Amino acid sequence: MLILNRRQGEAIIIDGGIRIIVLSSDRRGARIGIEAPTEINIQREELVNRVAEENRRANARGPGTDWLDQLPLKNP
């Protein structure tokens, strides 16, 4: 992990044309801006983790659900 100190208005550049700019910071945290090519997907980590957990829960099956394997479902 690379740890940097940056002041308001300063930026870092990541390979692939991703630019991260410090917009402001205070005791509550920092506001950052991210400039990236449109083909780069940017998501907040906590939202990605929440969706992944919901997907795991939705895919989990409890006891007595073996009959589901017999259904002629199509996989996407």
C-alpha atoms as a PDB file:
ATOM      1  CA  MET A   1       0.000   0.000   0.000  1.00  0.00           C
ATOM      2  CA  LEU A   2       1.305   3.420  -0.920  1.00  0.00           C
ATOM      3  CA  ILE A   3       0.471   6.143   1.606  1.00  0.00           C
ATOM      4  CA  LEU A   4       0.756   9.768   0.507  1.00  0.00           C
ATOM      5  CA  ASN A   5       0.117  13.151   2.053  1.00  0.00           C
ATOM      6  CA  ARG A   6      -1.690  15.510  -0.290  1.00  0.00           C
ATOM      7  CA  ARG A   7      -3.088  18.992   0.215  1.00  0.00           C
ATOM      8  CA  GLN A   8      -6.221  20.516  -1.249  1.00  0.00           C
ATOM      9  CA  GLY A   9      -5.877  20.844  -5.012  1.00  0.00           C
ATOM     10  CA  GLU A  10      -3.040  18.315  -5.261  1.00  0.00           C
ATOM     11  CA  ALA A  11      -3.509  15.097  -7.215  1.00  0.00           C
ATOM     12  CA  ILE A  12      -1.986  11.726  -7.954  1.00  0.00           C
ATOM     13  CA  ILE A  13      -1.984   9.935 -11.298  1.00  0.00           C
ATOM     14  CA  ILE A  14      -2.493   6.170 -11.576  1.00  0.00           C
ATOM     15  CA  ASP A  15      -1.581   4.134 -14.646  1.00  0.00           C
ATOM     16  CA  GLY A  16      -4.338   4.154 -17.235  1.00  0.00           C
ATOM     17  CA  GLY A  17      -5.156   7.847 -16.939  1.00  0.00           C
ATOM     18  CA  ILE A  18      -6.813   7.780 -13.519  1.00  0.00           C
ATOM     19  CA  ARG A  19      -6.370  11.053 -11.643  1.00  0.00           C
ATOM     20  CA  ILE A  20      -7.325  11.426  -7.966  1.00  0.00           C
ATOM     21  CA  ILE A  21      -7.634  14.997  -6.692  1.00  0.00           C
ATOM     22  CA  VAL A  22      -8.026  16.175  -3.094  1.00  0.00           C
ATOM     23  CA  LEU A  23     -10.944  18.610  -3.150  1.00  0.00           C
ATOM     24  CA  SER A  24     -11.030  19.371   0.576  1.00  0.00           C
ATOM     25  CA  SER A  25     -10.260  17.813   3.935  1.00  0.00           C
ATOM     26  CA  ASP A  26     -11.163  18.403   7.560  1.00  0.00           C
ATOM     27  CA  ARG A  27     -11.584  16.426  10.789  1.00  0.00           C
ATOM     28  CA  ARG A  28     -14.526  14.490   9.323  1.00  0.00           C
ATOM     29  CA  GLY A  29     -12.550  13.222   6.346  1.00  0.00           C
ATOM     30  CA  ALA A  30     -11.405  14.082   2.862  1.00  0.00           C
ATOM     31  CA  ARG A  31     -13.396  14.837  -0.274  1.00  0.00           C
ATOM     32  CA  ILE A  32     -11.741  13.482  -3.379  1.00  0.00           C
ATOM     33  CA  GLY A  33     -12.481  13.710  -7.054  1.00  0.00           C
ATOM     34  CA  ILE A  34     -11.668  10.923  -9.485  1.00  0.00           C
ATOM     35  CA  GLU A  35     -11.121  11.442 -13.203  1.00  0.00           C
ATOM     36  CA  ALA A  36     -10.939   8.227 -15.212  1.00  0.00           C
ATOM     37  CA  PRO A  37     -11.646   6.960 -18.719  1.00  0.00           C
ATOM     38  CA  THR A  38     -15.305   6.058 -19.235  1.00  0.00           C
ATOM     39  CA  GLU A  39     -14.496   2.353 -19.572  1.00  0.00           C
ATOM     40  CA  ILE A  40     -13.171   2.296 -15.984  1.00  0.00           C
ATOM     41  CA  ASN A  41     -15.857   1.397 -13.432  1.00  0.00           C
ATOM     42  CA  ILE A  42     -15.559   3.251 -10.101  1.00  0.00           C
ATOM     43  CA  GLN A  43     -17.573   1.985  -7.116  1.00  0.00           C
ATOM     44  CA  ARG A  44     -17.523   2.625  -3.382  1.00  0.00           C
ATOM     45  CA  GLU A  45     -16.075  -0.409  -1.628  1.00  0.00           C
ATOM     46  CA  GLU A  46     -18.827  -0.645   0.999  1.00  0.00           C
ATOM     47  CA  LEU A  47     -21.496  -0.814  -1.731  1.00  0.00           C
ATOM     48  CA  VAL A  48     -19.628  -3.517  -3.636  1.00  0.00           C
ATOM     49  CA  ASN A  49     -19.289  -5.525  -0.414  1.00  0.00           C
ATOM     50  CA  ARG A  50     -22.993  -5.082   0.395  1.00  0.00           C
ATOM     51  CA  VAL A  51     -24.076  -6.273  -3.061  1.00  0.00           C
ATOM     52  CA  ALA A  52     -21.698  -9.248  -2.877  1.00  0.00           C
ATOM     53  CA  GLU A  53     -23.105 -10.222   0.533  1.00  0.00           C
ATOM     54  CA  GLU A  54     -26.695  -9.960  -0.734  1.00  0.00           C
ATOM     55  CA  ASN A  55     -25.766 -12.128  -3.717  1.00  0.00           C
ATOM     56  CA  ARG A  56     -24.251 -14.736  -1.386  1.00  0.00           C
ATOM     57  CA  ARG A  57     -27.371 -14.681   0.797  1.00  0.00           C
ATOM     58  CA  ALA A  58     -29.685 -14.978  -2.212  1.00  0.00           C
ATOM     59  CA  ASN A  59     -27.713 -17.921  -3.543  1.00  0.00           C
ATOM     60  CA  ALA A  60     -27.598 -19.716  -0.173  1.00  0.00           C
ATOM     61  CA  ARG A  61     -30.155 -22.448   0.289  1.00  0.00           C
ATOM     62  CA  GLY A  62     -31.388 -23.880   3.516  1.00  0.00           C
ATOM     63  CA  PRO A  63     -32.266 -27.459   4.374  1.00  0.00           C
ATOM     64  CA  GLY A  64     -35.138 -29.015   2.454  1.00  0.00           C
ATOM     65  CA  THR A  65     -34.459 -27.207  -0.807  1.00  0.00           C
ATOM     66  CA  ASP A  66     -32.958 -30.142  -2.741  1.00  0.00           C
ATOM     67  CA  TRP A  67     -36.074 -30.192  -4.936  1.00  0.00           C
ATOM     68  CA  LEU A  68     -34.843 -26.945  -6.532  1.00  0.00           C
ATOM     69  CA  ASP A  69     -32.138 -28.962  -8.326  1.00  0.00           C
ATOM     70  CA  GLN A  70     -34.851 -30.830 -10.206  1.00  0.00           C
ATOM     71  CA  LEU A  71     -36.361 -27.699 -11.773  1.00  0.00           C
ATOM     72  CA  PRO A  72     -35.545 -27.138 -15.459  1.00  0.00           C
ATOM     73  CA  LEU A  73     -34.045 -23.673 -14.945  1.00  0.00           C
ATOM     74  CA  LYS A  74     -31.885 -22.008 -17.543  1.00  0.00           C
ATOM     75  CA  ASN A  75     -28.618 -20.441 -16.450  1.00  0.00           C
ATOM     76  CA  PRO A  76     -28.071 -16.946 -17.826  1.00  0.00           C
END
